[in-house]
Amino acid sequence: MGVGLVALAACDMPVTPPSTSPKARPTNLKPTPTPHATGPSVRSQNMARYYSRVQANLLAQGLLRSGGGGVDTPYSDNDLLRNFERIAFYDEYERNRGLARSNGQAGGLRKWTTPVRMKVEFGDSVPEAQRKTDVQNVVAYADRLARITGHPISAGTTQDANFHVLIVGEDDRGAAVTRIQQLVPNINQSSVLLFQTLPRSIHCLVVAFSDTKDDHTYRRAIAFIRAEHPDLMRRSCIHEELAQGLGLANDSPRARPSIFNDDDEFALLTTHDEELLRLLYSPRLTPGMTAEEARPILRELIAQRGIGPS
């Protein structure tokens, strides 16, 4: 937050001694409180205008599609296998190093083995009407994710939530960072710095935390979504970050139709992405499994779905 320094210019005026002696200040006299600014800050307003332009430009290009795919976006069983391996076994960013790009090495499969309990939390600056819409979207999406994966996933007001969805504005950034440190007391400093200095080019993000005894089993996640986004972009962030927080951590330029692709063609979860989630939460795929170990199982699972050859 920038601090504005106000300089007052003074004129040279003759000084006249007071005609009376100064009196003691009455004990019951209190200074008039300085009125607080209401509404979002200039920075937050500028951010909202910026993202409105971004959404308008994407829509004008035919992007941010919400139909889930169509006849123009076919995919084969080989496409699905390739995309799953790239999205589930690789990372977009280096772990515990903020926005440093991944080294490109495959890792073990990661997923939740316990129920996922989501809770939406808002910054003080978020209007009540927007809160109602966002909660409805998260609850409906959690129900959809549960149906797709067969894994217990819910959203509500539970006090024992383990997947926190923070929807906050620029004016709430400091309070949000404090809340994140409360949720994850041992969070590393690079992750804290990421939330503190997130550039506007990053629309939203999710950080998932693994079990201390098992690096591939998720136990907690925090999604960070900007309140300044217009409705569709905010819902798009909900779809992508909540799905990625389940274990689909990477993006791929070859994944189509998919939200796990940085081209912004699709705003909402697609039929292709539903298949990825079904595969991830098959009981036959276990945390820590390598791509080589999972590949024959994936081929069988995909064949059972009847996706079809390339």
C-alpha atoms as a PDB file:
ATOM      1  CA  MET A   1       0.000   0.000   0.000  1.00  0.00           C
ATOM      2  CA  GLY A   2       1.431   3.398  -0.951  1.00  0.00           C
ATOM      3  CA  VAL A   3       1.446   6.258   1.551  1.00  0.00           C
ATOM      4  CA  GLY A   4       0.616   9.687   0.138  1.00  0.00           C
ATOM      5  CA  LEU A   5       2.554  12.616   1.579  1.00  0.00           C
ATOM      6  CA  VAL A   6       0.563  15.867   1.645  1.00  0.00           C
ATOM      7  CA  ALA A   7       2.628  19.076   1.723  1.00  0.00           C
ATOM      8  CA  LEU A   8       1.032  22.324   2.885  1.00  0.00           C
ATOM      9  CA  ALA A   9       2.391  25.586   1.527  1.00  0.00           C
ATOM     10  CA  ALA A  10       2.475  28.359   4.147  1.00  0.00           C
ATOM     11  CA  CYS A  11       2.468  32.103   3.523  1.00  0.00           C
ATOM     12  CA  ASP A  12       4.402  34.604   5.631  1.00  0.00           C
ATOM     13  CA  MET A  13       1.852  36.389   7.821  1.00  0.00           C
ATOM     14  CA  PRO A  14       2.363  38.793  10.762  1.00  0.00           C
ATOM     15  CA  VAL A  15       2.013  37.086  14.119  1.00  0.00           C
ATOM     16  CA  THR A  16      -0.229  38.826  16.719  1.00  0.00           C
ATOM     17  CA  PRO A  17       0.007  37.753  20.375  1.00  0.00           C
ATOM     18  CA  PRO A  18      -3.242  36.323  21.761  1.00  0.00           C
ATOM     19  CA  SER A  19      -5.411  38.816  23.625  1.00  0.00           C
ATOM     20  CA  THR A  20      -6.189  36.329  26.360  1.00  0.00           C
ATOM     21  CA  SER A  21      -4.219  33.750  28.287  1.00  0.00           C
ATOM     22  CA  PRO A  22      -4.511  30.170  27.036  1.00  0.00           C
ATOM     23  CA  LYS A  23      -6.977  28.007  28.929  1.00  0.00           C
ATOM     24  CA  ALA A  24      -6.778  24.333  29.806  1.00  0.00           C
ATOM     25  CA  ARG A  25      -8.485  21.941  27.382  1.00  0.00           C
ATOM     26  CA  PRO A  26     -11.813  20.679  28.810  1.00  0.00           C
ATOM     27  CA  THR A  27     -11.468  17.068  29.932  1.00  0.00           C
ATOM     28  CA  ASN A  28     -14.722  16.034  28.247  1.00  0.00           C
ATOM     29  CA  LEU A  29     -13.786  17.447  24.860  1.00  0.00           C
ATOM     30  CA  LYS A  30     -12.900  14.835  22.223  1.00  0.00           C
ATOM     31  CA  PRO A  31     -11.486  15.515  18.774  1.00  0.00           C
ATOM     32  CA  THR A  32     -13.866  15.171  15.879  1.00  0.00           C
ATOM     33  CA  PRO A  33     -13.136  11.778  14.307  1.00  0.00           C
ATOM     34  CA  THR A  34     -11.688  11.803  10.810  1.00  0.00           C
ATOM     35  CA  PRO A  35     -14.257  10.364   8.423  1.00  0.00           C
ATOM     36  CA  HIS A  36     -13.232   7.043   6.893  1.00  0.00           C
ATOM     37  CA  ALA A  37     -13.284   6.551   3.163  1.00  0.00           C
ATOM     38  CA  THR A  38     -16.134   4.330   2.020  1.00  0.00           C
ATOM     39  CA  GLY A  39     -16.158   1.964  -0.916  1.00  0.00           C
ATOM     40  CA  PRO A  40     -13.219   0.340  -2.710  1.00  0.00           C
ATOM     41  CA  SER A  41      -9.902   2.119  -3.012  1.00  0.00           C
ATOM     42  CA  VAL A  42      -8.693   3.655  -6.257  1.00  0.00           C
ATOM     43  CA  ARG A  43      -6.338   0.698  -6.682  1.00  0.00           C
ATOM     44  CA  SER A  44      -9.213  -1.762  -6.344  1.00  0.00           C
ATOM     45  CA  GLN A  45     -11.410   0.228  -8.735  1.00  0.00           C
ATOM     46  CA  ASN A  46      -8.616   0.309 -11.307  1.00  0.00           C
ATOM     47  CA  MET A  47      -8.149  -3.441 -10.934  1.00  0.00           C
ATOM     48  CA  ALA A  48     -11.881  -4.034 -11.482  1.00  0.00           C
ATOM     49  CA  ARG A  49     -11.838  -1.899 -14.647  1.00  0.00           C
ATOM     50  CA  TYR A  50      -8.768  -3.744 -15.909  1.00  0.00           C
ATOM     51  CA  TYR A  51     -10.336  -7.190 -15.483  1.00  0.00           C
ATOM     52  CA  SER A  52     -13.585  -6.006 -17.066  1.00  0.00           C
ATOM     53  CA  ARG A  53     -11.577  -5.045 -20.148  1.00  0.00           C
ATOM     54  CA  VAL A  54      -9.770  -8.392 -20.081  1.00  0.00           C
ATOM     55  CA  GLN A  55     -13.066 -10.305 -20.007  1.00  0.00           C
ATOM     56  CA  ALA A  56     -14.588  -8.161 -22.759  1.00  0.00           C
ATOM     57  CA  ASN A  57     -11.544  -8.708 -24.984  1.00  0.00           C
ATOM     58  CA  LEU A  58     -11.551 -12.474 -24.433  1.00  0.00           C
ATOM     59  CA  LEU A  59     -15.272 -12.740 -25.182  1.00  0.00           C
ATOM     60  CA  ALA A  60     -14.832 -10.632 -28.331  1.00  0.00           C
ATOM     61  CA  GLN A  61     -12.290 -13.229 -29.518  1.00  0.00           C
ATOM     62  CA  GLY A  62     -14.718 -16.094 -28.938  1.00  0.00           C
ATOM     63  CA  LEU A  63     -12.865 -17.251 -25.810  1.00  0.00           C
ATOM     64  CA  LEU A  64     -14.112 -18.033 -22.288  1.00  0.00           C
ATOM     65  CA  ARG A  65     -16.480 -20.609 -23.728  1.00  0.00           C
ATOM     66  CA  SER A  66     -18.868 -22.201 -21.260  1.00  0.00           C
ATOM     67  CA  GLY A  67     -20.442 -25.045 -23.235  1.00  0.00           C
ATOM     68  CA  GLY A  68     -18.070 -27.792 -22.101  1.00  0.00           C
ATOM     69  CA  GLY A  69     -16.787 -28.541 -25.598  1.00  0.00           C
ATOM     70  CA  GLY A  70     -18.493 -29.524 -28.808  1.00  0.00           C
ATOM     71  CA  VAL A  71     -18.178 -31.027 -32.276  1.00  0.00           C
ATOM     72  CA  ASP A  72     -15.288 -28.673 -33.007  1.00  0.00           C
ATOM     73  CA  THR A  73     -13.249 -29.995 -30.065  1.00  0.00           C
ATOM     74  CA  PRO A  74     -13.053 -33.797 -30.382  1.00  0.00           C
ATOM     75  CA  TYR A  75     -10.514 -35.759 -28.360  1.00  0.00           C
ATOM     76  CA  SER A  76      -9.378 -39.365 -28.475  1.00  0.00           C
ATOM     77  CA  ASP A  77      -8.303 -41.915 -25.901  1.00  0.00           C
ATOM     78  CA  ASN A  78      -4.669 -41.145 -26.722  1.00  0.00           C
ATOM     79  CA  ASP A  79      -5.312 -37.422 -26.216  1.00  0.00           C
ATOM     80  CA  LEU A  80      -6.858 -38.117 -22.834  1.00  0.00           C
ATOM     81  CA  LEU A  81      -3.962 -40.312 -21.710  1.00  0.00           C
ATOM     82  CA  ARG A  82      -1.365 -37.779 -22.855  1.00  0.00           C
ATOM     83  CA  ASN A  83      -3.189 -34.854 -21.233  1.00  0.00           C
ATOM     84  CA  PHE A  84      -3.754 -36.680 -17.966  1.00  0.00           C
ATOM     85  CA  GLU A  85      -0.082 -37.547 -17.636  1.00  0.00           C
ATOM     86  CA  ARG A  86       1.011 -33.995 -18.379  1.00  0.00           C
ATOM     87  CA  ILE A  87      -1.521 -32.364 -16.036  1.00  0.00           C
ATOM     88  CA  ALA A  88      -1.465 -34.834 -13.124  1.00  0.00           C
ATOM     89  CA  PHE A  89       2.220 -35.774 -12.936  1.00  0.00           C
ATOM     90  CA  TYR A  90       3.873 -32.437 -13.659  1.00  0.00           C
ATOM     91  CA  ASP A  91       3.848 -29.040 -11.947  1.00  0.00           C
ATOM     92  CA  GLU A  92       3.378 -25.623 -13.487  1.00  0.00           C
ATOM     93  CA  TYR A  93       5.550 -23.960 -10.832  1.00  0.00           C
ATOM     94  CA  GLU A  94       8.423 -25.133  -8.659  1.00  0.00           C
ATOM     95  CA  ARG A  95       7.158 -26.230  -5.289  1.00  0.00           C
ATOM     96  CA  ASN A  96       7.839 -23.800  -2.425  1.00  0.00           C
ATOM     97  CA  ARG A  97       9.417 -21.279  -4.802  1.00  0.00           C
ATOM     98  CA  GLY A  98       6.595 -18.901  -5.611  1.00  0.00           C
ATOM     99  CA  LEU A  99       6.242 -18.227  -9.341  1.00  0.00           C
ATOM    100  CA  ALA A 100       9.491 -19.942 -10.338  1.00  0.00           C
ATOM    101  CA  ARG A 101       8.771 -22.243 -13.260  1.00  0.00           C
ATOM    102  CA  SER A 102       8.944 -25.992 -12.716  1.00  0.00           C
ATOM    103  CA  ASN A 103      12.064 -27.911 -13.710  1.00  0.00           C
ATOM    104  CA  GLY A 104       9.915 -30.064 -15.989  1.00  0.00           C
ATOM    105  CA  GLN A 105      10.457 -33.316 -14.101  1.00  0.00           C
ATOM    106  CA  ALA A 106       7.539 -35.664 -13.531  1.00  0.00           C
ATOM    107  CA  GLY A 107       6.525 -36.397  -9.962  1.00  0.00           C
ATOM    108  CA  GLY A 108       4.226 -38.808  -8.197  1.00  0.00           C
ATOM    109  CA  LEU A 109       0.439 -38.705  -8.372  1.00  0.00           C
ATOM    110  CA  ARG A 110      -1.211 -36.415  -5.798  1.00  0.00           C
ATOM    111  CA  LYS A 111      -4.792 -36.463  -4.568  1.00  0.00           C
ATOM    112  CA  TRP A 112      -7.005 -36.337  -1.477  1.00  0.00           C
ATOM    113  CA  THR A 113      -7.781 -39.550   0.381  1.00  0.00           C
ATOM    114  CA  THR A 114     -10.000 -37.924   3.032  1.00  0.00           C
ATOM    115  CA  PRO A 115     -13.238 -35.965   2.537  1.00  0.00           C
ATOM    116  CA  VAL A 116     -12.802 -32.488   1.059  1.00  0.00           C
ATOM    117  CA  ARG A 117     -14.719 -29.847   3.007  1.00  0.00           C
ATOM    118  CA  MET A 118     -14.762 -26.473   1.255  1.00  0.00           C
ATOM    119  CA  LYS A 119     -15.571 -23.173   2.869  1.00  0.00           C
ATOM    120  CA  VAL A 120     -15.861 -19.756   1.221  1.00  0.00           C
ATOM    121  CA  GLU A 121     -14.433 -16.776   3.086  1.00  0.00           C
ATOM    122  CA  PHE A 122     -14.735 -13.179   1.907  1.00  0.00           C
ATOM    123  CA  GLY A 123     -12.752 -10.031   2.408  1.00  0.00           C
ATOM    124  CA  ASP A 124     -14.581  -7.166   4.101  1.00  0.00           C
ATOM    125  CA  SER A 125     -14.719  -5.233   0.832  1.00  0.00           C
ATOM    126  CA  VAL A 126     -16.803  -7.839  -1.030  1.00  0.00           C
ATOM    127  CA  PRO A 127     -20.461  -6.710  -1.462  1.00  0.00           C
ATOM    128  CA  GLU A 128     -23.204  -8.877   0.028  1.00  0.00           C
ATOM    129  CA  ALA A 129     -24.898  -9.572  -3.310  1.00  0.00           C
ATOM    130  CA  GLN A 130     -21.631 -10.842  -4.775  1.00  0.00           C
ATOM    131  CA  ARG A 131     -21.049 -13.047  -1.737  1.00  0.00           C
ATOM    132  CA  LYS A 132     -24.400 -14.751  -2.206  1.00  0.00           C
ATOM    133  CA  THR A 133     -23.679 -15.495  -5.864  1.00  0.00           C
ATOM    134  CA  ASP A 134     -20.185 -16.805  -5.186  1.00  0.00           C
ATOM    135  CA  VAL A 135     -21.311 -19.101  -2.361  1.00  0.00           C
ATOM    136  CA  GLN A 136     -24.025 -20.556  -4.601  1.00  0.00           C
ATOM    137  CA  ASN A 137     -21.477 -21.170  -7.359  1.00  0.00           C
ATOM    138  CA  VAL A 138     -19.009 -22.876  -5.036  1.00  0.00           C
ATOM    139  CA  VAL A 139     -21.652 -25.093  -3.410  1.00  0.00           C
ATOM    140  CA  ALA A 140     -23.058 -26.176  -6.778  1.00  0.00           C
ATOM    141  CA  TYR A 141     -19.587 -26.820  -8.168  1.00  0.00           C
ATOM    142  CA  ALA A 142     -18.523 -28.853  -5.121  1.00  0.00           C
ATOM    143  CA  ASP A 143     -21.603 -31.042  -5.614  1.00  0.00           C
ATOM    144  CA  ARG A 144     -20.670 -31.501  -9.264  1.00  0.00           C
ATOM    145  CA  LEU A 145     -17.069 -32.428  -8.404  1.00  0.00           C
ATOM    146  CA  ALA A 146     -18.341 -34.997  -5.913  1.00  0.00           C
ATOM    147  CA  ARG A 147     -20.579 -36.595  -8.550  1.00  0.00           C
ATOM    148  CA  ILE A 148     -17.766 -36.708 -11.111  1.00  0.00           C
ATOM    149  CA  THR A 149     -15.062 -38.108  -8.851  1.00  0.00           C
ATOM    150  CA  GLY A 150     -17.116 -40.268  -6.516  1.00  0.00           C
ATOM    151  CA  HIS A 151     -15.058 -38.684  -3.725  1.00  0.00           C
ATOM    152  CA  PRO A 152     -16.758 -36.958  -0.750  1.00  0.00           C
ATOM    153  CA  ILE A 153     -16.565 -33.242  -1.589  1.00  0.00           C
ATOM    154  CA  SER A 154     -18.845 -30.650  -0.029  1.00  0.00           C
ATOM    155  CA  ALA A 155     -19.053 -26.907   0.575  1.00  0.00           C
ATOM    156  CA  GLY A 156     -20.749 -25.057   3.383  1.00  0.00           C
ATOM    157  CA  THR A 157     -20.169 -23.272   6.666  1.00  0.00           C
ATOM    158  CA  THR A 158     -18.378 -26.126   8.388  1.00  0.00           C
ATOM    159  CA  GLN A 159     -15.855 -25.114  11.020  1.00  0.00           C
ATOM    160  CA  ASP A 160     -13.554 -28.029  10.191  1.00  0.00           C
ATOM    161  CA  ALA A 161     -13.021 -27.030   6.566  1.00  0.00           C
ATOM    162  CA  ASN A 162      -9.804 -28.175   4.911  1.00  0.00           C
ATOM    163  CA  PHE A 163     -10.216 -26.439   1.515  1.00  0.00           C
ATOM    164  CA  HIS A 164     -10.530 -22.682   2.009  1.00  0.00           C
ATOM    165  CA  VAL A 165     -11.787 -20.540  -0.856  1.00  0.00           C
ATOM    166  CA  LEU A 166     -10.743 -16.944  -0.176  1.00  0.00           C
ATOM    167  CA  ILE A 167     -12.498 -14.356  -2.351  1.00  0.00           C
ATOM    168  CA  VAL A 168     -10.861 -11.043  -1.575  1.00  0.00           C
ATOM    169  CA  GLY A 169     -10.237  -7.637  -3.068  1.00  0.00           C
ATOM    170  CA  GLU A 170      -7.056  -5.607  -3.184  1.00  0.00           C
ATOM    171  CA  ASP A 171      -8.172  -3.759  -0.062  1.00  0.00           C
ATOM    172  CA  ASP A 172      -8.348  -7.088   1.798  1.00  0.00           C
ATOM    173  CA  ARG A 173      -4.873  -8.320   0.840  1.00  0.00           C
ATOM    174  CA  GLY A 174      -3.240  -7.774   4.252  1.00  0.00           C
ATOM    175  CA  ALA A 175      -6.077  -9.420   6.151  1.00  0.00           C
ATOM    176  CA  ALA A 176      -6.074 -12.327   3.686  1.00  0.00           C
ATOM    177  CA  VAL A 177      -2.375 -12.974   4.227  1.00  0.00           C
ATOM    178  CA  THR A 178      -2.926 -12.944   7.989  1.00  0.00           C
ATOM    179  CA  ARG A 179      -5.767 -15.445   7.557  1.00  0.00           C
ATOM    180  CA  ILE A 180      -3.591 -17.714   5.419  1.00  0.00           C
ATOM    181  CA  GLN A 181      -0.905 -17.720   8.090  1.00  0.00           C
ATOM    182  CA  GLN A 182      -3.553 -18.677  10.650  1.00  0.00           C
ATOM    183  CA  LEU A 183      -4.733 -21.559   8.481  1.00  0.00           C
ATOM    184  CA  VAL A 184      -1.205 -22.818   7.769  1.00  0.00           C
ATOM    185  CA  PRO A 185       1.041 -21.677  10.660  1.00  0.00           C
ATOM    186  CA  ASN A 186       4.130 -23.334   9.168  1.00  0.00           C
ATOM    187  CA  ILE A 187       3.639 -21.959   5.635  1.00  0.00           C
ATOM    188  CA  ASN A 188       6.967 -21.125   4.010  1.00  0.00           C
ATOM    189  CA  GLN A 189       7.921 -17.505   3.373  1.00  0.00           C
ATOM    190  CA  SER A 190       7.979 -17.844  -0.418  1.00  0.00           C
ATOM    191  CA  SER A 191       4.311 -18.849  -0.382  1.00  0.00           C
ATOM    192  CA  VAL A 192       3.446 -15.922   1.906  1.00  0.00           C
ATOM    193  CA  LEU A 193       5.295 -13.550  -0.418  1.00  0.00           C
ATOM    194  CA  LEU A 194       3.365 -14.958  -3.368  1.00  0.00           C
ATOM    195  CA  PHE A 195       0.046 -14.017  -1.796  1.00  0.00           C
ATOM    196  CA  GLN A 196       1.389 -10.620  -0.732  1.00  0.00           C
ATOM    197  CA  THR A 197       2.749  -9.578  -4.126  1.00  0.00           C
ATOM    198  CA  LEU A 198       0.588 -11.503  -6.586  1.00  0.00           C
ATOM    199  CA  PRO A 199       0.820  -9.650  -9.940  1.00  0.00           C
ATOM    200  CA  ARG A 200      -2.380  -8.809 -11.792  1.00  0.00           C
ATOM    201  CA  SER A 201      -1.334 -11.168 -14.606  1.00  0.00           C
ATOM    202  CA  ILE A 202      -2.137 -14.024 -12.192  1.00  0.00           C
ATOM    203  CA  HIS A 203      -5.930 -14.029 -12.024  1.00  0.00           C
ATOM    204  CA  CYS A 204      -6.216 -16.570  -9.212  1.00  0.00           C
ATOM    205  CA  LEU A 205      -4.310 -19.453  -7.696  1.00  0.00           C
ATOM    206  CA  VAL A 206      -4.543 -22.442  -5.406  1.00  0.00           C
ATOM    207  CA  VAL A 207      -1.945 -23.870  -3.054  1.00  0.00           C
ATOM    208  CA  ALA A 208      -2.407 -27.419  -1.790  1.00  0.00           C
ATOM    209  CA  PHE A 209      -0.568 -28.748   1.248  1.00  0.00           C
ATOM    210  CA  SER A 210       0.371 -32.385   1.651  1.00  0.00           C
ATOM    211  CA  ASP A 211       0.424 -34.595   4.693  1.00  0.00           C
ATOM    212  CA  THR A 212       3.603 -34.330   6.776  1.00  0.00           C
ATOM    213  CA  LYS A 213       3.993 -38.098   6.547  1.00  0.00           C
ATOM    214  CA  ASP A 214       3.048 -38.446   2.885  1.00  0.00           C
ATOM    215  CA  ASP A 215       4.146 -35.852   0.352  1.00  0.00           C
ATOM    216  CA  HIS A 216       1.583 -37.046  -2.213  1.00  0.00           C
ATOM    217  CA  THR A 217      -1.562 -36.963  -0.073  1.00  0.00           C
ATOM    218  CA  TYR A 218      -3.313 -33.616   0.203  1.00  0.00           C
ATOM    219  CA  ARG A 219      -4.688 -32.513   3.559  1.00  0.00           C
ATOM    220  CA  ARG A 220      -5.349 -28.777   3.075  1.00  0.00           C
ATOM    221  CA  ALA A 221      -5.743 -26.296   0.234  1.00  0.00           C
ATOM    222  CA  ILE A 222      -6.248 -22.549  -0.119  1.00  0.00           C
ATOM    223  CA  ALA A 223      -7.700 -20.986  -3.251  1.00  0.00           C
ATOM    224  CA  PHE A 224      -7.162 -17.238  -3.706  1.00  0.00           C
ATOM    225  CA  ILE A 225      -9.649 -15.520  -6.012  1.00  0.00           C
ATOM    226  CA  ARG A 226      -9.782 -11.819  -6.779  1.00  0.00           C
ATOM    227  CA  ALA A 227     -13.084 -10.159  -5.916  1.00  0.00           C
ATOM    228  CA  GLU A 228     -12.500  -7.543  -8.646  1.00  0.00           C
ATOM    229  CA  HIS A 229     -13.110 -10.089 -11.406  1.00  0.00           C
ATOM    230  CA  PRO A 230     -16.383  -9.757 -13.334  1.00  0.00           C
ATOM    231  CA  ASP A 231     -18.843 -12.608 -12.807  1.00  0.00           C
ATOM    232  CA  LEU A 232     -17.678 -14.982 -15.570  1.00  0.00           C
ATOM    233  CA  MET A 233     -13.978 -14.644 -14.783  1.00  0.00           C
ATOM    234  CA  ARG A 234     -14.666 -15.141 -11.083  1.00  0.00           C
ATOM    235  CA  ARG A 235     -16.663 -18.285 -11.818  1.00  0.00           C
ATOM    236  CA  SER A 236     -13.895 -19.424 -14.172  1.00  0.00           C
ATOM    237  CA  CYS A 237     -11.390 -19.058 -11.327  1.00  0.00           C
ATOM    238  CA  ILE A 238     -13.647 -21.123  -9.076  1.00  0.00           C
ATOM    239  CA  HIS A 239     -13.811 -23.908 -11.662  1.00  0.00           C
ATOM    240  CA  GLU A 240     -10.099 -24.036 -12.412  1.00  0.00           C
ATOM    241  CA  GLU A 241      -8.597 -23.556  -8.955  1.00  0.00           C
ATOM    242  CA  LEU A 242     -10.931 -25.911  -7.123  1.00  0.00           C
ATOM    243  CA  ALA A 243     -10.299 -28.634  -9.696  1.00  0.00           C
ATOM    244  CA  GLN A 244      -6.553 -28.059  -9.632  1.00  0.00           C
ATOM    245  CA  GLY A 245      -6.625 -28.176  -5.845  1.00  0.00           C
ATOM    246  CA  LEU A 246      -7.885 -31.744  -6.109  1.00  0.00           C
ATOM    247  CA  GLY A 247      -4.654 -32.854  -7.792  1.00  0.00           C
ATOM    248  CA  LEU A 248      -4.613 -31.675 -11.416  1.00  0.00           C
ATOM    249  CA  ALA A 249      -1.823 -29.210 -10.788  1.00  0.00           C
ATOM    250  CA  ASN A 250      -0.475 -28.441 -14.255  1.00  0.00           C
ATOM    251  CA  ASP A 251      -1.620 -26.859 -17.527  1.00  0.00           C
ATOM    252  CA  SER A 252      -0.948 -28.104 -21.038  1.00  0.00           C
ATOM    253  CA  PRO A 253      -1.218 -26.221 -24.351  1.00  0.00           C
ATOM    254  CA  ARG A 254      -2.330 -29.479 -26.000  1.00  0.00           C
ATOM    255  CA  ALA A 255      -5.270 -30.095 -23.660  1.00  0.00           C
ATOM    256  CA  ARG A 256      -8.514 -29.301 -25.502  1.00  0.00           C
ATOM    257  CA  PRO A 257     -11.310 -28.773 -24.688  1.00  0.00           C
ATOM    258  CA  SER A 258      -9.987 -27.914 -21.247  1.00  0.00           C
ATOM    259  CA  ILE A 259      -9.629 -25.269 -18.566  1.00  0.00           C
ATOM    260  CA  PHE A 260      -6.172 -26.730 -17.869  1.00  0.00           C
ATOM    261  CA  ASN A 261      -4.781 -24.676 -20.716  1.00  0.00           C
ATOM    262  CA  ASP A 262      -3.508 -21.107 -20.540  1.00  0.00           C
ATOM    263  CA  ASP A 263      -5.201 -20.084 -23.798  1.00  0.00           C
ATOM    264  CA  ASP A 264      -8.465 -19.094 -22.010  1.00  0.00           C
ATOM    265  CA  GLU A 265     -10.576 -20.791 -24.680  1.00  0.00           C
ATOM    266  CA  PHE A 266     -12.782 -22.378 -22.025  1.00  0.00           C
ATOM    267  CA  ALA A 267     -13.974 -20.668 -18.875  1.00  0.00           C
ATOM    268  CA  LEU A 268     -15.716 -23.600 -17.195  1.00  0.00           C
ATOM    269  CA  LEU A 269     -15.026 -27.289 -16.627  1.00  0.00           C
ATOM    270  CA  THR A 270     -15.421 -29.301 -19.842  1.00  0.00           C
ATOM    271  CA  THR A 271     -16.381 -32.896 -20.627  1.00  0.00           C
ATOM    272  CA  HIS A 272     -12.683 -33.619 -21.203  1.00  0.00           C
ATOM    273  CA  ASP A 273     -11.834 -32.234 -17.752  1.00  0.00           C
ATOM    274  CA  GLU A 274     -14.520 -34.358 -16.149  1.00  0.00           C
ATOM    275  CA  GLU A 275     -12.789 -37.426 -17.617  1.00  0.00           C
ATOM    276  CA  LEU A 276      -9.482 -36.305 -16.094  1.00  0.00           C
ATOM    277  CA  LEU A 277     -11.086 -35.999 -12.661  1.00  0.00           C
ATOM    278  CA  ARG A 278     -12.743 -39.419 -12.957  1.00  0.00           C
ATOM    279  CA  LEU A 279      -9.376 -40.954 -13.779  1.00  0.00           C
ATOM    280  CA  LEU A 280      -7.598 -39.167 -10.929  1.00  0.00           C
ATOM    281  CA  TYR A 281     -10.066 -40.416  -8.333  1.00  0.00           C
ATOM    282  CA  SER A 282     -10.243 -43.979  -9.537  1.00  0.00           C
ATOM    283  CA  PRO A 283      -9.435 -46.175  -6.511  1.00  0.00           C
ATOM    284  CA  ARG A 284      -6.910 -47.950  -8.723  1.00  0.00           C
ATOM    285  CA  LEU A 285      -4.708 -44.845  -8.836  1.00  0.00           C
ATOM    286  CA  THR A 286      -2.977 -44.207  -5.527  1.00  0.00           C
ATOM    287  CA  PRO A 287      -0.946 -41.253  -4.209  1.00  0.00           C
ATOM    288  CA  GLY A 288       2.738 -41.439  -5.104  1.00  0.00           C
ATOM    289  CA  MET A 289       2.210 -43.632  -8.162  1.00  0.00           C
ATOM    290  CA  THR A 290       4.524 -42.747 -11.067  1.00  0.00           C
ATOM    291  CA  ALA A 291       3.357 -42.107 -14.626  1.00  0.00           C
ATOM    292  CA  GLU A 292       4.933 -45.411 -15.733  1.00  0.00           C
ATOM    293  CA  GLU A 293       3.104 -47.328 -13.001  1.00  0.00           C
ATOM    294  CA  ALA A 294      -0.193 -45.620 -13.763  1.00  0.00           C
ATOM    295  CA  ARG A 295      -0.096 -45.834 -17.565  1.00  0.00           C
ATOM    296  CA  PRO A 296      -1.426 -49.406 -18.043  1.00  0.00           C
ATOM    297  CA  ILE A 297      -4.179 -48.761 -15.506  1.00  0.00           C
ATOM    298  CA  LEU A 298      -5.078 -45.502 -17.245  1.00  0.00           C
ATOM    299  CA  ARG A 299      -5.327 -47.262 -20.611  1.00  0.00           C
ATOM    300  CA  GLU A 300      -7.770 -49.771 -19.146  1.00  0.00           C
ATOM    301  CA  LEU A 301      -9.866 -47.102 -17.448  1.00  0.00           C
ATOM    302  CA  ILE A 302     -10.028 -44.969 -20.586  1.00  0.00           C
ATOM    303  CA  ALA A 303     -10.960 -47.988 -22.730  1.00  0.00           C
ATOM    304  CA  GLN A 304     -13.829 -48.733 -20.347  1.00  0.00           C
ATOM    305  CA  ARG A 305     -15.159 -45.216 -20.931  1.00  0.00           C
ATOM    306  CA  GLY A 306     -15.269 -45.833 -24.685  1.00  0.00           C
ATOM    307  CA  ILE A 307     -13.634 -42.525 -25.652  1.00  0.00           C
ATOM    308  CA  GLY A 308     -12.356 -43.955 -28.927  1.00  0.00           C
ATOM    309  CA  PRO A 309      -9.003 -44.164 -30.722  1.00  0.00           C
ATOM    310  CA  SER A 310      -7.279 -41.263 -32.393  1.00  0.00           C
END
